[in-house]
Amino acid sequence: MRFLKALCTAQFASIVDFVVTVLLSSVFGVYYVAATALGAVAGGVSNCIFNYRWVFPGSGSRKRYIALRDFVVWGISILLNTYGTYLLTETMRDNPCVTALLGSHSDQIYILSKLIVAVLVAVGWNYQMQRLFVYR
């Protein structure tokens, strides 16, 4: 049950993350790497709040220590998401098959990259570290 709750909060945080990223990049013209980092921060803050109140309530730890551990986990998560999105985007941009497939939307390739990286980081890093380190 806890994993399902964590998936729900992660999904909500991902929505916040993606909305902030796409708005900053596509609407306000912010470079996609900076928009990705800022979106990850916004998603991380919302995820921390919901995890503390709903997914891992009564963990017995004080808010300050949970916030500090969550800050470490999310700091690394932000780096993984930002750098992973950058690497995958630049790799896919250099692939003529991908750019031909996307056509006039090839400038939005970072969204696909971000989606792929976000899923990998969420399952492989965020949930595991929240379960084992932040809310142990």
Foldseek 3Di string as FASTA:
>chain_A
DLVVQLVVLLVVLVVQLLVQLCCCCVVVNDPNLVSNLVSLVSSLVSSLVCCDVPRQDPLVDDPVQLVVLSCVLSVVLSVQLSVQLVVVLVVLLPDPVNCVVCPPCNVVVSSVSSVVSSVCCVVVGVVVCCVPPNSD
